[in-house]
């Protein structure tokens, strides 16, 4: 399996509901380093997994409306704990939609899955991988 990873980051604010979250129930900020990894079993006709430039652009686009936002105020997330795991899935789904729309170029049709990892800190991260 071949993989290519591109990276960006977002800065958000949010709060959680539920005792399991302890002090994170209060409004707090987070800066996530976001990795998007694209998988395919074989290289395309140009011997690449995906166009890195287009992948970088589409990751930035997938993050744009999350960056510098209080996620508690985003209608799409009303009533949802916007955990790191949850956000990884949101971003992966947005990237999958970009692949389906052809926004990563024709060579991206051979991609078989996308994995998104959000790094909360140097010691903790969460990922979501989805098939295409």
C-alpha atoms as a PDB file:
ATOM      1  CA  UNK A   1       0.000   0.000   0.000  1.00  0.00           C
ATOM      2  CA  UNK A   2       1.330   3.429  -0.960  1.00  0.00           C
ATOM      3  CA  UNK A   3       0.623   6.483   1.178  1.00  0.00           C
ATOM      4  CA  UNK A   4       1.069  10.232   0.876  1.00  0.00           C
ATOM      5  CA  UNK A   5       0.466  12.563   3.822  1.00  0.00           C
ATOM      6  CA  UNK A   6      -0.120  16.314   3.760  1.00  0.00           C
ATOM      7  CA  UNK A   7      -0.309  18.520   6.860  1.00  0.00           C
ATOM      8  CA  UNK A   8      -2.020  21.705   8.037  1.00  0.00           C
ATOM      9  CA  UNK A   9      -3.397  22.972  11.345  1.00  0.00           C
ATOM     10  CA  UNK A  10      -6.478  24.553  12.883  1.00  0.00           C
ATOM     11  CA  UNK A  11      -7.103  26.603  15.995  1.00  0.00           C
ATOM     12  CA  UNK A  12     -10.535  26.136  17.550  1.00  0.00           C
ATOM     13  CA  UNK A  13     -12.496  26.692  20.737  1.00  0.00           C
ATOM     14  CA  UNK A  14     -15.159  24.348  22.097  1.00  0.00           C
ATOM     15  CA  UNK A  15     -16.603  22.791  25.228  1.00  0.00           C
ATOM     16  CA  UNK A  16     -17.912  19.333  26.063  1.00  0.00           C
ATOM     17  CA  UNK A  17     -20.890  17.870  27.860  1.00  0.00           C
ATOM     18  CA  UNK A  18     -20.362  14.944  30.225  1.00  0.00           C
ATOM     19  CA  UNK A  19     -18.394  14.188  33.359  1.00  0.00           C
ATOM     20  CA  UNK A  20     -15.889  12.097  31.395  1.00  0.00           C
ATOM     21  CA  UNK A  21     -14.464  15.372  30.017  1.00  0.00           C
ATOM     22  CA  UNK A  22     -13.641  16.853  33.437  1.00  0.00           C
ATOM     23  CA  UNK A  23     -12.409  20.442  33.158  1.00  0.00           C
ATOM     24  CA  UNK A  24     -12.766  20.324  29.343  1.00  0.00           C
ATOM     25  CA  UNK A  25     -16.490  20.807  29.911  1.00  0.00           C
ATOM     26  CA  UNK A  26     -15.606  24.485  30.163  1.00  0.00           C
ATOM     27  CA  UNK A  27     -14.919  26.508  27.023  1.00  0.00           C
ATOM     28  CA  UNK A  28     -11.282  25.984  26.028  1.00  0.00           C
ATOM     29  CA  UNK A  29      -9.058  26.318  23.001  1.00  0.00           C
ATOM     30  CA  UNK A  30      -7.144  23.735  21.019  1.00  0.00           C
ATOM     31  CA  UNK A  31      -4.613  23.843  18.226  1.00  0.00           C
ATOM     32  CA  UNK A  32      -4.582  20.687  16.142  1.00  0.00           C
ATOM     33  CA  UNK A  33      -1.899  19.640  13.696  1.00  0.00           C
ATOM     34  CA  UNK A  34      -3.899  17.827  11.008  1.00  0.00           C
ATOM     35  CA  UNK A  35      -2.449  15.072   8.826  1.00  0.00           C
ATOM     36  CA  UNK A  36      -4.381  13.691   5.868  1.00  0.00           C
ATOM     37  CA  UNK A  37      -3.014  10.431   4.490  1.00  0.00           C
ATOM     38  CA  UNK A  38      -4.146   9.108   1.131  1.00  0.00           C
ATOM     39  CA  UNK A  39      -3.813   5.348   0.390  1.00  0.00           C
ATOM     40  CA  UNK A  40      -3.738   3.337  -2.794  1.00  0.00           C
ATOM     41  CA  UNK A  41      -2.384  -0.104  -3.679  1.00  0.00           C
ATOM     42  CA  UNK A  42      -0.684   0.983  -6.916  1.00  0.00           C
ATOM     43  CA  UNK A  43       0.769   4.217  -8.212  1.00  0.00           C
ATOM     44  CA  UNK A  44      -1.068   6.111 -10.951  1.00  0.00           C
ATOM     45  CA  UNK A  45       0.241   6.612 -14.499  1.00  0.00           C
ATOM     46  CA  UNK A  46       2.535   9.393 -13.214  1.00  0.00           C
ATOM     47  CA  UNK A  47       3.919   7.134 -10.454  1.00  0.00           C
ATOM     48  CA  UNK A  48       2.285   9.106  -7.645  1.00  0.00           C
ATOM     49  CA  UNK A  49      -0.372   8.402  -5.027  1.00  0.00           C
ATOM     50  CA  UNK A  50      -2.070  11.781  -5.377  1.00  0.00           C
ATOM     51  CA  UNK A  51      -1.132  15.272  -6.505  1.00  0.00           C
ATOM     52  CA  UNK A  52       0.420  16.677  -3.311  1.00  0.00           C
ATOM     53  CA  UNK A  53      -0.392  20.253  -4.288  1.00  0.00           C
ATOM     54  CA  UNK A  54      -4.071  19.476  -4.826  1.00  0.00           C
ATOM     55  CA  UNK A  55      -4.194  17.370  -1.659  1.00  0.00           C
ATOM     56  CA  UNK A  56      -2.733  20.262   0.322  1.00  0.00           C
ATOM     57  CA  UNK A  57      -5.255  22.697  -1.178  1.00  0.00           C
ATOM     58  CA  UNK A  58      -8.184  20.400  -0.438  1.00  0.00           C
ATOM     59  CA  UNK A  59      -7.064  19.812   3.154  1.00  0.00           C
ATOM     60  CA  UNK A  60      -6.862  23.582   3.649  1.00  0.00           C
ATOM     61  CA  UNK A  61     -10.363  23.924   2.145  1.00  0.00           C
ATOM     62  CA  UNK A  62     -11.735  21.161   4.407  1.00  0.00           C
ATOM     63  CA  UNK A  63     -10.393  23.019   7.456  1.00  0.00           C
ATOM     64  CA  UNK A  64     -11.236  26.582   6.412  1.00  0.00           C
ATOM     65  CA  UNK A  65     -14.614  26.963   8.112  1.00  0.00           C
ATOM     66  CA  UNK A  66     -13.362  25.315  11.319  1.00  0.00           C
ATOM     67  CA  UNK A  67     -10.270  27.454  11.795  1.00  0.00           C
ATOM     68  CA  UNK A  68     -10.490  30.236  14.404  1.00  0.00           C
ATOM     69  CA  UNK A  69     -14.057  29.195  15.294  1.00  0.00           C
ATOM     70  CA  UNK A  70     -15.876  28.350  18.478  1.00  0.00           C
ATOM     71  CA  UNK A  71     -17.311  25.007  17.397  1.00  0.00           C
ATOM     72  CA  UNK A  72     -20.075  25.389  19.986  1.00  0.00           C
ATOM     73  CA  UNK A  73     -21.472  28.108  17.678  1.00  0.00           C
ATOM     74  CA  UNK A  74     -21.390  26.016  14.462  1.00  0.00           C
ATOM     75  CA  UNK A  75     -24.960  24.971  13.623  1.00  0.00           C
ATOM     76  CA  UNK A  76     -23.793  21.734  11.998  1.00  0.00           C
ATOM     77  CA  UNK A  77     -22.383  20.611  15.381  1.00  0.00           C
ATOM     78  CA  UNK A  78     -25.255  21.670  17.651  1.00  0.00           C
ATOM     79  CA  UNK A  79     -25.671  19.153  20.472  1.00  0.00           C
ATOM     80  CA  UNK A  80     -22.494  17.271  19.504  1.00  0.00           C
ATOM     81  CA  UNK A  81     -19.310  16.812  21.511  1.00  0.00           C
ATOM     82  CA  UNK A  82     -16.742  17.937  18.962  1.00  0.00           C
ATOM     83  CA  UNK A  83     -14.089  15.531  20.196  1.00  0.00           C
ATOM     84  CA  UNK A  84     -10.819  15.046  18.384  1.00  0.00           C
ATOM     85  CA  UNK A  85     -12.107  11.739  17.030  1.00  0.00           C
ATOM     86  CA  UNK A  86     -15.328  13.344  15.790  1.00  0.00           C
ATOM     87  CA  UNK A  87     -13.418  16.138  14.035  1.00  0.00           C
ATOM     88  CA  UNK A  88     -11.103  13.617  12.346  1.00  0.00           C
ATOM     89  CA  UNK A  89     -14.180  11.979  10.793  1.00  0.00           C
ATOM     90  CA  UNK A  90     -15.674  15.313   9.707  1.00  0.00           C
ATOM     91  CA  UNK A  91     -12.450  16.235   7.923  1.00  0.00           C
ATOM     92  CA  UNK A  92     -12.032  12.774   6.351  1.00  0.00           C
ATOM     93  CA  UNK A  93     -15.590  12.913   5.026  1.00  0.00           C
ATOM     94  CA  UNK A  94     -14.966  16.350   3.537  1.00  0.00           C
ATOM     95  CA  UNK A  95     -11.829  15.082   1.809  1.00  0.00           C
ATOM     96  CA  UNK A  96     -13.695  12.031   0.502  1.00  0.00           C
ATOM     97  CA  UNK A  97     -16.287  14.357  -1.002  1.00  0.00           C
ATOM     98  CA  UNK A  98     -13.475  16.336  -2.659  1.00  0.00           C
ATOM     99  CA  UNK A  99     -12.076  13.118  -4.158  1.00  0.00           C
ATOM    100  CA  UNK A 100     -15.545  12.144  -5.444  1.00  0.00           C
ATOM    101  CA  UNK A 101     -15.968  15.609  -6.966  1.00  0.00           C
ATOM    102  CA  UNK A 102     -12.660  15.287  -8.852  1.00  0.00           C
ATOM    103  CA  UNK A 103     -11.003  18.093  -6.870  1.00  0.00           C
ATOM    104  CA  UNK A 104      -7.838  16.056  -6.324  1.00  0.00           C
ATOM    105  CA  UNK A 105      -7.404  15.367 -10.032  1.00  0.00           C
ATOM    106  CA  UNK A 106      -8.172  12.353 -12.208  1.00  0.00           C
ATOM    107  CA  UNK A 107      -5.366  10.273 -10.699  1.00  0.00           C
ATOM    108  CA  UNK A 108      -7.139  10.341  -7.341  1.00  0.00           C
ATOM    109  CA  UNK A 109      -9.744   7.915  -8.704  1.00  0.00           C
ATOM    110  CA  UNK A 110      -7.383   5.098  -7.685  1.00  0.00           C
ATOM    111  CA  UNK A 111      -7.353   6.087  -4.015  1.00  0.00           C
ATOM    112  CA  UNK A 112      -8.806   3.417  -1.745  1.00  0.00           C
ATOM    113  CA  UNK A 113      -8.910   5.192   1.618  1.00  0.00           C
ATOM    114  CA  UNK A 114      -8.149   8.372   3.523  1.00  0.00           C
ATOM    115  CA  UNK A 115      -6.919   8.635   7.092  1.00  0.00           C
ATOM    116  CA  UNK A 116      -7.070  11.900   9.034  1.00  0.00           C
ATOM    117  CA  UNK A 117      -5.076  12.325  12.238  1.00  0.00           C
ATOM    118  CA  UNK A 118      -5.476  15.272  14.589  1.00  0.00           C
ATOM    119  CA  UNK A 119      -2.522  15.781  16.906  1.00  0.00           C
ATOM    120  CA  UNK A 120      -3.718  17.406  20.145  1.00  0.00           C
ATOM    121  CA  UNK A 121      -0.215  17.639  21.537  1.00  0.00           C
ATOM    122  CA  UNK A 122       3.157  15.947  21.284  1.00  0.00           C
ATOM    123  CA  UNK A 123       1.775  12.995  23.275  1.00  0.00           C
ATOM    124  CA  UNK A 124      -1.829  12.555  22.056  1.00  0.00           C
ATOM    125  CA  UNK A 125      -3.597  12.195  18.725  1.00  0.00           C
ATOM    126  CA  UNK A 126      -6.732  10.626  17.281  1.00  0.00           C
ATOM    127  CA  UNK A 127      -7.405   9.302  13.784  1.00  0.00           C
ATOM    128  CA  UNK A 128     -10.244   8.253  11.533  1.00  0.00           C
ATOM    129  CA  UNK A 129      -9.769   6.138   8.409  1.00  0.00           C
ATOM    130  CA  UNK A 130     -12.479   5.680   5.806  1.00  0.00           C
ATOM    131  CA  UNK A 131     -12.689   3.722   2.591  1.00  0.00           C
ATOM    132  CA  UNK A 132     -13.415   5.501  -0.655  1.00  0.00           C
END
